Amino acid sequence: MRKVRLSIQETLKYQRDMIIEIPDDMSESTLNSFLDKAQRKAQAAIDVGYILEDFNDEINVIEQPDESTDSPCDTEIEIDDFDFIKEDVDNII
């Protein structure tokens, strides 16, 4: 029997919700612009609120997203490579 080392990439996705407050006169296009910029800049969901508040001091975070990693909403597994393991000939009896 031969041994094979598998390289497995596991991607976990989480659905997060947060609540923000915006000025009454902020247009949807302005909000979308802020959200697009925040999405590009954020490293994690928790960053979004801080980034939005930095963009506009009239945006207030009411509720930050949950940071729990207990229940991903989706997972994806990809076996992206494999290598045959060469056994040391001296260890074979």
C-alpha atoms as a PDB file:
ATOM      1  CA  MET A   1       0.000   0.000   0.000  1.00  0.00           C
ATOM      2  CA  ARG A   2       1.253   3.504  -0.820  1.00  0.00           C
ATOM      3  CA  LYS A   3       0.785   6.566   1.321  1.00  0.00           C
ATOM      4  CA  VAL A   4      -0.548   9.791  -0.153  1.00  0.00           C
ATOM      5  CA  ARG A   5      -0.581  13.232   1.484  1.00  0.00           C
ATOM      6  CA  LEU A   6      -3.665  15.277   0.549  1.00  0.00           C
ATOM      7  CA  SER A   7      -3.768  19.067   0.604  1.00  0.00           C
ATOM      8  CA  ILE A   8      -7.286  20.065   1.634  1.00  0.00           C
ATOM      9  CA  GLN A   9      -8.633  23.610   1.536  1.00  0.00           C
ATOM     10  CA  GLU A  10     -11.624  24.186   3.806  1.00  0.00           C
ATOM     11  CA  THR A  11     -13.639  27.383   3.451  1.00  0.00           C
ATOM     12  CA  LEU A  12     -16.175  28.330   6.101  1.00  0.00           C
ATOM     13  CA  LYS A  13     -18.783  31.029   5.517  1.00  0.00           C
ATOM     14  CA  TYR A  14     -20.772  32.840   8.177  1.00  0.00           C
ATOM     15  CA  GLN A  15     -23.897  34.980   7.861  1.00  0.00           C
ATOM     16  CA  ARG A  16     -23.530  38.085  10.038  1.00  0.00           C
ATOM     17  CA  ASP A  17     -26.040  40.847  10.758  1.00  0.00           C
ATOM     18  CA  MET A  18     -25.447  44.298  12.122  1.00  0.00           C
ATOM     19  CA  ILE A  19     -27.631  47.342  12.644  1.00  0.00           C
ATOM     20  CA  ILE A  20     -26.509  50.860  11.792  1.00  0.00           C
ATOM     21  CA  GLU A  21     -28.194  54.237  11.914  1.00  0.00           C
ATOM     22  CA  ILE A  22     -27.795  56.685   9.022  1.00  0.00           C
ATOM     23  CA  PRO A  23     -28.946  60.282   8.525  1.00  0.00           C
ATOM     24  CA  ASP A  24     -32.459  60.671   7.093  1.00  0.00           C
ATOM     25  CA  ASP A  25     -31.113  62.550   4.079  1.00  0.00           C
ATOM     26  CA  MET A  26     -28.451  59.972   3.099  1.00  0.00           C
ATOM     27  CA  SER A  27     -29.267  58.541  -0.328  1.00  0.00           C
ATOM     28  CA  GLU A  28     -29.131  54.849  -1.163  1.00  0.00           C
ATOM     29  CA  SER A  29     -26.336  55.494  -3.661  1.00  0.00           C
ATOM     30  CA  THR A  30     -24.254  57.225  -0.973  1.00  0.00           C
ATOM     31  CA  LEU A  31     -24.897  54.377   1.451  1.00  0.00           C
ATOM     32  CA  ASN A  32     -23.964  51.834  -1.242  1.00  0.00           C
ATOM     33  CA  SER A  33     -20.750  53.729  -1.897  1.00  0.00           C
ATOM     34  CA  PHE A  34     -19.830  53.608   1.811  1.00  0.00           C
ATOM     35  CA  LEU A  35     -20.727  49.898   1.992  1.00  0.00           C
ATOM     36  CA  ASP A  36     -18.611  49.077  -1.077  1.00  0.00           C
ATOM     37  CA  LYS A  37     -15.611  50.881   0.405  1.00  0.00           C
ATOM     38  CA  ALA A  38     -16.097  49.194   3.785  1.00  0.00           C
ATOM     39  CA  GLN A  39     -16.332  45.779   2.129  1.00  0.00           C
ATOM     40  CA  ARG A  40     -13.025  46.333   0.327  1.00  0.00           C
ATOM     41  CA  LYS A  41     -11.246  47.626   3.433  1.00  0.00           C
ATOM     42  CA  ALA A  42     -12.605  45.278   6.139  1.00  0.00           C
ATOM     43  CA  GLN A  43     -10.629  42.235   7.227  1.00  0.00           C
ATOM     44  CA  ALA A  44     -13.508  40.847   9.327  1.00  0.00           C
ATOM     45  CA  ALA A  45     -17.198  41.543   9.849  1.00  0.00           C
ATOM     46  CA  ILE A  46     -16.516  43.416  13.080  1.00  0.00           C
ATOM     47  CA  ASP A  47     -14.396  45.947  11.104  1.00  0.00           C
ATOM     48  CA  VAL A  48     -17.340  47.114   8.972  1.00  0.00           C
ATOM     49  CA  GLY A  49     -18.936  49.239  11.683  1.00  0.00           C
ATOM     50  CA  TYR A  50     -15.696  50.976  12.630  1.00  0.00           C
ATOM     51  CA  ILE A  51     -14.890  51.687   8.992  1.00  0.00           C
ATOM     52  CA  LEU A  52     -18.359  53.103   8.306  1.00  0.00           C
ATOM     53  CA  GLU A  53     -18.116  55.386  11.342  1.00  0.00           C
ATOM     54  CA  ASP A  54     -14.708  56.585  10.091  1.00  0.00           C
ATOM     55  CA  PHE A  55     -16.158  57.416   6.659  1.00  0.00           C
ATOM     56  CA  ASN A  56     -19.001  59.487   8.067  1.00  0.00           C
ATOM     57  CA  ASP A  57     -19.394  60.590  11.680  1.00  0.00           C
ATOM     58  CA  GLU A  58     -23.189  60.630  11.232  1.00  0.00           C
ATOM     59  CA  ILE A  59     -23.258  56.829  10.800  1.00  0.00           C
ATOM     60  CA  ASN A  60     -23.793  55.093  14.126  1.00  0.00           C
ATOM     61  CA  VAL A  61     -23.415  51.399  14.851  1.00  0.00           C
ATOM     62  CA  ILE A  62     -26.364  50.218  16.925  1.00  0.00           C
ATOM     63  CA  GLU A  63     -25.466  46.514  16.988  1.00  0.00           C
ATOM     64  CA  GLN A  64     -22.148  44.942  15.984  1.00  0.00           C
ATOM     65  CA  PRO A  65     -22.167  41.564  14.199  1.00  0.00           C
ATOM     66  CA  ASP A  66     -21.835  38.385  16.222  1.00  0.00           C
ATOM     67  CA  GLU A  67     -18.279  37.002  16.057  1.00  0.00           C
ATOM     68  CA  SER A  68     -19.142  33.422  17.006  1.00  0.00           C
ATOM     69  CA  THR A  69     -17.467  30.736  14.918  1.00  0.00           C
ATOM     70  CA  ASP A  70     -19.708  27.941  16.225  1.00  0.00           C
ATOM     71  CA  SER A  71     -22.125  27.573  13.313  1.00  0.00           C
ATOM     72  CA  PRO A  72     -20.985  28.349   9.791  1.00  0.00           C
ATOM     73  CA  CYS A  73     -23.832  28.813   7.330  1.00  0.00           C
ATOM     74  CA  ASP A  74     -21.869  27.112   4.545  1.00  0.00           C
ATOM     75  CA  THR A  75     -18.720  25.082   4.092  1.00  0.00           C
ATOM     76  CA  GLU A  76     -16.735  24.084   1.052  1.00  0.00           C
ATOM     77  CA  ILE A  77     -14.045  21.432   0.844  1.00  0.00           C
ATOM     78  CA  GLU A  78     -11.574  21.219  -2.025  1.00  0.00           C
ATOM     79  CA  ILE A  79      -8.799  18.662  -2.328  1.00  0.00           C
ATOM     80  CA  ASP A  80      -6.437  20.751  -4.382  1.00  0.00           C
ATOM     81  CA  ASP A  81      -3.279  18.642  -4.457  1.00  0.00           C
ATOM     82  CA  PHE A  82      -1.744  15.360  -3.478  1.00  0.00           C
ATOM     83  CA  ASP A  83       1.772  13.926  -3.170  1.00  0.00           C
ATOM     84  CA  PHE A  84       2.915  10.370  -2.966  1.00  0.00           C
ATOM     85  CA  ILE A  85       4.973   9.807   0.176  1.00  0.00           C
ATOM     86  CA  LYS A  86       8.216   7.983  -0.512  1.00  0.00           C
ATOM     87  CA  GLU A  87       9.026   5.606   2.288  1.00  0.00           C
ATOM     88  CA  ASP A  88      12.551   5.191   3.513  1.00  0.00           C
ATOM     89  CA  VAL A  89      13.811   1.860   2.084  1.00  0.00           C
ATOM     90  CA  ASP A  90      15.831   1.160   5.243  1.00  0.00           C
ATOM     91  CA  ASN A  91      12.630   1.130   7.344  1.00  0.00           C
ATOM     92  CA  ILE A  92      10.944  -1.568   5.239  1.00  0.00           C
ATOM     93  CA  ILE A  93      11.468  -5.058   6.654  1.00  0.00           C
END
